[in-house]
Structure formats: structure tokens, C-alpha cells
Amino acid sequence: MSAKKTGAEGAEPGFTEAIRELETILARVEGEEVDVDRLAAELARAAELLDLCRGKIRRAELEVAQIVQRLEGESGTGS
């Protein structure tokens, strides 16, 4: 398994796709469907997906904060 699993076009998965894959991995692990030889690889992939999702959430929070700040700045500059 490669260090980073990517989507069909070589890009990282979107947030929704990553969450879906995480849920699939979790279901397999909880259902004891994962062979012990694959367990570490599955958990490593889950960790990668968690990092990806956390990064996307942080970037979205930053963007929203910047937009709100810009809007507040625009509304405060009336004549």
C-alpha cells in the first residue's frame, strides 16, 4: 500500500469521501473483518484520513474567519 492513497485522478480525497472511507475502515475493524496482518495498514490509513479531515476543517475555519473579518471591516467603513 502506498503512503498516500488518492482518488481516481491522483488528487487527495474530498472531505466527504475521506469520512466515508474512515467509516468503512471503522466498520471493518469493529466487525473484526480485518485480518490481523492488515490491521496496522488499515489503522495507518485511518490516521492519514483523520489528518486530512482535520486539515480541511482548519482551512475552512480560517477561510470563514477571514470572510467574516472582511465583511465586518466593510460594514464598519460607512461614510
C-alpha atoms as a PDB file:
ATOM      1  CA  MET A   1       0.000   0.000   0.000  1.00  0.00           C
ATOM      2  CA  SER A   2       1.348   3.434  -0.900  1.00  0.00           C
ATOM      3  CA  ALA A   3       1.967   6.092   1.696  1.00  0.00           C
ATOM      4  CA  LYS A   4      -0.900   8.205   0.385  1.00  0.00           C
ATOM      5  CA  LYS A   5      -3.974   6.749  -1.217  1.00  0.00           C
ATOM      6  CA  THR A   6      -5.503   9.114  -3.697  1.00  0.00           C
ATOM      7  CA  GLY A   7      -8.662   9.448  -5.720  1.00  0.00           C
ATOM      8  CA  ALA A   8      -9.151   8.408  -9.326  1.00  0.00           C
ATOM      9  CA  GLU A   9      -7.368  11.460 -10.716  1.00  0.00           C
ATOM     10  CA  GLY A  10      -4.428  11.424  -8.296  1.00  0.00           C
ATOM     11  CA  ALA A  11      -5.845  14.148  -6.039  1.00  0.00           C
ATOM     12  CA  GLU A  12      -6.418  13.692  -2.324  1.00  0.00           C
ATOM     13  CA  PRO A  13      -9.952  12.647  -1.433  1.00  0.00           C
ATOM     14  CA  GLY A  14     -12.514  15.269  -0.546  1.00  0.00           C
ATOM     15  CA  PHE A  15     -13.791  15.590   2.997  1.00  0.00           C
ATOM     16  CA  THR A  16     -16.940  13.551   2.372  1.00  0.00           C
ATOM     17  CA  GLU A  17     -15.035  10.801   0.575  1.00  0.00           C
ATOM     18  CA  ALA A  18     -12.458  10.662   3.385  1.00  0.00           C
ATOM     19  CA  ILE A  19     -15.171  10.425   6.040  1.00  0.00           C
ATOM     20  CA  ARG A  20     -16.884   7.652   4.078  1.00  0.00           C
ATOM     21  CA  GLU A  21     -13.610   5.716   3.846  1.00  0.00           C
ATOM     22  CA  LEU A  22     -12.974   6.231   7.576  1.00  0.00           C
ATOM     23  CA  GLU A  23     -16.430   4.880   8.370  1.00  0.00           C
ATOM     24  CA  THR A  24     -15.757   1.845   6.175  1.00  0.00           C
ATOM     25  CA  ILE A  25     -12.447   1.155   7.915  1.00  0.00           C
ATOM     26  CA  LEU A  26     -14.069   1.585  11.332  1.00  0.00           C
ATOM     27  CA  ALA A  27     -16.879  -0.808  10.442  1.00  0.00           C
ATOM     28  CA  ARG A  28     -14.373  -3.428   9.280  1.00  0.00           C
ATOM     29  CA  VAL A  29     -12.251  -3.063  12.419  1.00  0.00           C
ATOM     30  CA  GLU A  30     -15.241  -3.071  14.780  1.00  0.00           C
ATOM     31  CA  GLY A  31     -16.758  -6.014  12.935  1.00  0.00           C
ATOM     32  CA  GLU A  32     -13.469  -7.842  13.233  1.00  0.00           C
ATOM     33  CA  GLU A  33     -13.391  -8.184   9.435  1.00  0.00           C
ATOM     34  CA  VAL A  34      -9.788  -7.005   9.222  1.00  0.00           C
ATOM     35  CA  ASP A  35      -7.162  -9.700   9.107  1.00  0.00           C
ATOM     36  CA  VAL A  36      -4.551  -9.153  11.792  1.00  0.00           C
ATOM     37  CA  ASP A  37      -1.925  -8.882   9.035  1.00  0.00           C
ATOM     38  CA  ARG A  38      -3.804  -5.887   7.544  1.00  0.00           C
ATOM     39  CA  LEU A  39      -4.781  -4.212  10.809  1.00  0.00           C
ATOM     40  CA  ALA A  40      -1.752  -1.909  11.039  1.00  0.00           C
ATOM     41  CA  ALA A  41      -2.166  -0.796   7.410  1.00  0.00           C
ATOM     42  CA  GLU A  42      -5.877  -0.112   7.941  1.00  0.00           C
ATOM     43  CA  LEU A  43      -5.184   1.921  11.072  1.00  0.00           C
ATOM     44  CA  ALA A  44      -2.381   3.837   9.335  1.00  0.00           C
ATOM     45  CA  ARG A  45      -4.777   4.736   6.520  1.00  0.00           C
ATOM     46  CA  ALA A  46      -7.379   5.817   9.077  1.00  0.00           C
ATOM     47  CA  ALA A  47      -4.793   8.090  10.718  1.00  0.00           C
ATOM     48  CA  GLU A  48      -3.945   9.637   7.321  1.00  0.00           C
ATOM     49  CA  LEU A  49      -7.608  10.270   6.638  1.00  0.00           C
ATOM     50  CA  LEU A  50      -8.116  11.832  10.079  1.00  0.00           C
ATOM     51  CA  ASP A  51      -5.182  14.182   9.487  1.00  0.00           C
ATOM     52  CA  LEU A  52      -6.605  15.096   6.088  1.00  0.00           C
ATOM     53  CA  CYS A  53     -10.048  15.843   7.519  1.00  0.00           C
ATOM     54  CA  ARG A  54      -8.646  17.876  10.399  1.00  0.00           C
ATOM     55  CA  GLY A  55      -6.590  19.936   7.947  1.00  0.00           C
ATOM     56  CA  LYS A  56      -9.637  20.573   5.770  1.00  0.00           C
ATOM     57  CA  ILE A  57     -11.648  21.669   8.807  1.00  0.00           C
ATOM     58  CA  ARG A  58      -8.848  24.012   9.956  1.00  0.00           C
ATOM     59  CA  ARG A  59      -8.586  25.566   6.474  1.00  0.00           C
ATOM     60  CA  ALA A  60     -12.356  26.017   6.288  1.00  0.00           C
ATOM     61  CA  GLU A  61     -12.416  27.662   9.728  1.00  0.00           C
ATOM     62  CA  LEU A  62      -9.648  30.035   8.662  1.00  0.00           C
ATOM     63  CA  GLU A  63     -11.421  30.940   5.426  1.00  0.00           C
ATOM     64  CA  VAL A  64     -14.695  31.580   7.240  1.00  0.00           C
ATOM     65  CA  ALA A  65     -12.946  33.744   9.847  1.00  0.00           C
ATOM     66  CA  GLN A  66     -11.243  35.758   7.088  1.00  0.00           C
ATOM     67  CA  ILE A  67     -14.542  36.261   5.249  1.00  0.00           C
ATOM     68  CA  VAL A  68     -16.308  37.352   8.436  1.00  0.00           C
ATOM     69  CA  GLN A  69     -13.445  39.724   9.265  1.00  0.00           C
ATOM     70  CA  ARG A  70     -13.569  41.209   5.776  1.00  0.00           C
ATOM     71  CA  LEU A  71     -17.348  41.634   5.955  1.00  0.00           C
ATOM     72  CA  GLU A  72     -17.119  43.262   9.379  1.00  0.00           C
ATOM     73  CA  GLY A  73     -14.440  45.597   8.039  1.00  0.00           C
ATOM     74  CA  GLU A  74     -16.590  46.554   5.061  1.00  0.00           C
ATOM     75  CA  SER A  75     -19.638  47.253   7.216  1.00  0.00           C
ATOM     76  CA  GLY A  76     -17.589  49.405   9.588  1.00  0.00           C
ATOM     77  CA  THR A  77     -16.306  51.775   6.867  1.00  0.00           C
ATOM     78  CA  GLY A  78     -19.537  53.682   6.195  1.00  0.00           C
ATOM     79  CA  SER A  79     -19.438  57.461   5.458  1.00  0.00           C
END
